Amino acid sequence: MTVHSTHHEIPESTGGAALLPIFAIATVIAIVAICVVVAAPSTIAMVVALATVIGFAAGITAMLSRLIGPEEH
């Protein structure tokens, strides 16, 4: 007969838990930028959409670098 342990380890909260809403917002912003370009195809719309996506990607990168922290060896 086997003995079952009732002790359950609860994993510690990590920074990865914040990634899902961040990438969900990034997806929505990218889709809106693409829809603007499709709805009103012009050079200005393309530049604004591209700048929005690049700016948001830079913001996500900066936020994640602070969330993850420096890599220590």
C-alpha atoms as a PDB file:
ATOM      1  CA  MET A   1       0.000   0.000   0.000  1.00  0.00           C
ATOM      2  CA  THR A   2       1.328   3.464  -0.832  1.00  0.00           C
ATOM      3  CA  VAL A   3       1.206   6.458   1.424  1.00  0.00           C
ATOM      4  CA  HIS A   4       0.007   9.695  -0.107  1.00  0.00           C
ATOM      5  CA  SER A   5       1.454  12.915   1.148  1.00  0.00           C
ATOM      6  CA  THR A   6      -0.973  15.744   1.798  1.00  0.00           C
ATOM      7  CA  HIS A   7       1.750  18.368   1.576  1.00  0.00           C
ATOM      8  CA  HIS A   8       1.318  20.378  -1.620  1.00  0.00           C
ATOM      9  CA  GLU A   9       3.974  22.781  -2.701  1.00  0.00           C
ATOM     10  CA  ILE A  10       2.596  26.046  -3.986  1.00  0.00           C
ATOM     11  CA  PRO A  11       4.833  27.510  -6.685  1.00  0.00           C
ATOM     12  CA  GLU A  12       6.119  30.980  -6.027  1.00  0.00           C
ATOM     13  CA  SER A  13       4.725  33.779  -8.130  1.00  0.00           C
ATOM     14  CA  THR A  14       7.084  34.705 -10.923  1.00  0.00           C
ATOM     15  CA  GLY A  15       7.322  37.560 -13.358  1.00  0.00           C
ATOM     16  CA  GLY A  16       6.013  35.294 -16.097  1.00  0.00           C
ATOM     17  CA  ALA A  17       2.484  35.671 -14.767  1.00  0.00           C
ATOM     18  CA  ALA A  18       2.432  39.252 -16.041  1.00  0.00           C
ATOM     19  CA  LEU A  19       3.330  38.218 -19.587  1.00  0.00           C
ATOM     20  CA  LEU A  20      -0.128  37.079 -20.679  1.00  0.00           C
ATOM     21  CA  PRO A  21      -1.883  40.466 -20.301  1.00  0.00           C
ATOM     22  CA  ILE A  22       1.136  42.261 -21.768  1.00  0.00           C
ATOM     23  CA  PHE A  23       1.102  40.152 -24.922  1.00  0.00           C
ATOM     24  CA  ALA A  24      -2.696  40.314 -25.123  1.00  0.00           C
ATOM     25  CA  ILE A  25      -2.513  44.104 -25.179  1.00  0.00           C
ATOM     26  CA  ALA A  26       0.310  43.969 -27.735  1.00  0.00           C
ATOM     27  CA  THR A  27      -1.806  41.746 -29.970  1.00  0.00           C
ATOM     28  CA  VAL A  28      -4.791  44.084 -29.775  1.00  0.00           C
ATOM     29  CA  ILE A  29      -2.642  47.130 -30.587  1.00  0.00           C
ATOM     30  CA  ALA A  30      -1.032  45.343 -33.548  1.00  0.00           C
ATOM     31  CA  ILE A  31      -4.435  44.288 -34.891  1.00  0.00           C
ATOM     32  CA  VAL A  32      -5.796  47.832 -34.570  1.00  0.00           C
ATOM     33  CA  ALA A  33      -2.729  49.201 -36.390  1.00  0.00           C
ATOM     34  CA  ILE A  34      -3.167  46.677 -39.209  1.00  0.00           C
ATOM     35  CA  CYS A  35      -6.897  47.465 -39.472  1.00  0.00           C
ATOM     36  CA  VAL A  36      -6.157  51.181 -39.763  1.00  0.00           C
ATOM     37  CA  VAL A  37      -3.787  50.515 -42.657  1.00  0.00           C
ATOM     38  CA  VAL A  38      -6.331  48.261 -44.375  1.00  0.00           C
ATOM     39  CA  ALA A  39      -9.213  50.716 -43.823  1.00  0.00           C
ATOM     40  CA  ALA A  40      -7.307  53.817 -44.910  1.00  0.00           C
ATOM     41  CA  PRO A  41      -4.350  52.748 -47.019  1.00  0.00           C
ATOM     42  CA  SER A  42      -1.945  55.641 -47.159  1.00  0.00           C
ATOM     43  CA  THR A  43       1.688  56.314 -46.423  1.00  0.00           C
ATOM     44  CA  ILE A  44       0.830  58.277 -43.291  1.00  0.00           C
ATOM     45  CA  ALA A  45      -1.330  55.442 -41.927  1.00  0.00           C
ATOM     46  CA  MET A  46       1.468  52.957 -42.632  1.00  0.00           C
ATOM     47  CA  VAL A  47       4.080  55.122 -40.886  1.00  0.00           C
ATOM     48  CA  VAL A  48       1.823  55.709 -37.867  1.00  0.00           C
ATOM     49  CA  ALA A  49       0.952  52.005 -37.601  1.00  0.00           C
ATOM     50  CA  LEU A  50       4.591  50.963 -37.892  1.00  0.00           C
ATOM     51  CA  ALA A  51       5.691  53.562 -35.342  1.00  0.00           C
ATOM     52  CA  THR A  52       2.956  52.412 -32.950  1.00  0.00           C
ATOM     53  CA  VAL A  53       3.969  48.764 -33.159  1.00  0.00           C
ATOM     54  CA  ILE A  54       7.700  49.537 -32.866  1.00  0.00           C
ATOM     55  CA  GLY A  55       7.107  51.894 -29.937  1.00  0.00           C
ATOM     56  CA  PHE A  56       4.944  49.396 -28.127  1.00  0.00           C
ATOM     57  CA  ALA A  57       7.520  46.632 -28.726  1.00  0.00           C
ATOM     58  CA  ALA A  58      10.215  48.871 -27.262  1.00  0.00           C
ATOM     59  CA  GLY A  59       8.012  49.571 -24.251  1.00  0.00           C
ATOM     60  CA  ILE A  60       7.370  45.864 -23.703  1.00  0.00           C
ATOM     61  CA  THR A  61      11.086  45.143 -23.967  1.00  0.00           C
ATOM     62  CA  ALA A  62      11.904  47.821 -21.395  1.00  0.00           C
ATOM     63  CA  MET A  63       9.158  46.591 -19.059  1.00  0.00           C
ATOM     64  CA  LEU A  64      10.287  42.977 -19.325  1.00  0.00           C
ATOM     65  CA  SER A  65      13.914  43.880 -18.741  1.00  0.00           C
ATOM     66  CA  ARG A  66      12.910  45.574 -15.480  1.00  0.00           C
ATOM     67  CA  LEU A  67      10.619  42.683 -14.557  1.00  0.00           C
ATOM     68  CA  ILE A  68      13.224  40.012 -15.205  1.00  0.00           C
ATOM     69  CA  GLY A  69      16.152  42.025 -13.868  1.00  0.00           C
ATOM     70  CA  PRO A  70      19.840  41.720 -14.601  1.00  0.00           C
ATOM     71  CA  GLU A  71      21.283  38.336 -15.315  1.00  0.00           C
ATOM     72  CA  GLU A  72      23.709  37.282 -12.610  1.00  0.00           C
ATOM     73  CA  HIS A  73      26.262  34.531 -13.076  1.00  0.00           C
END
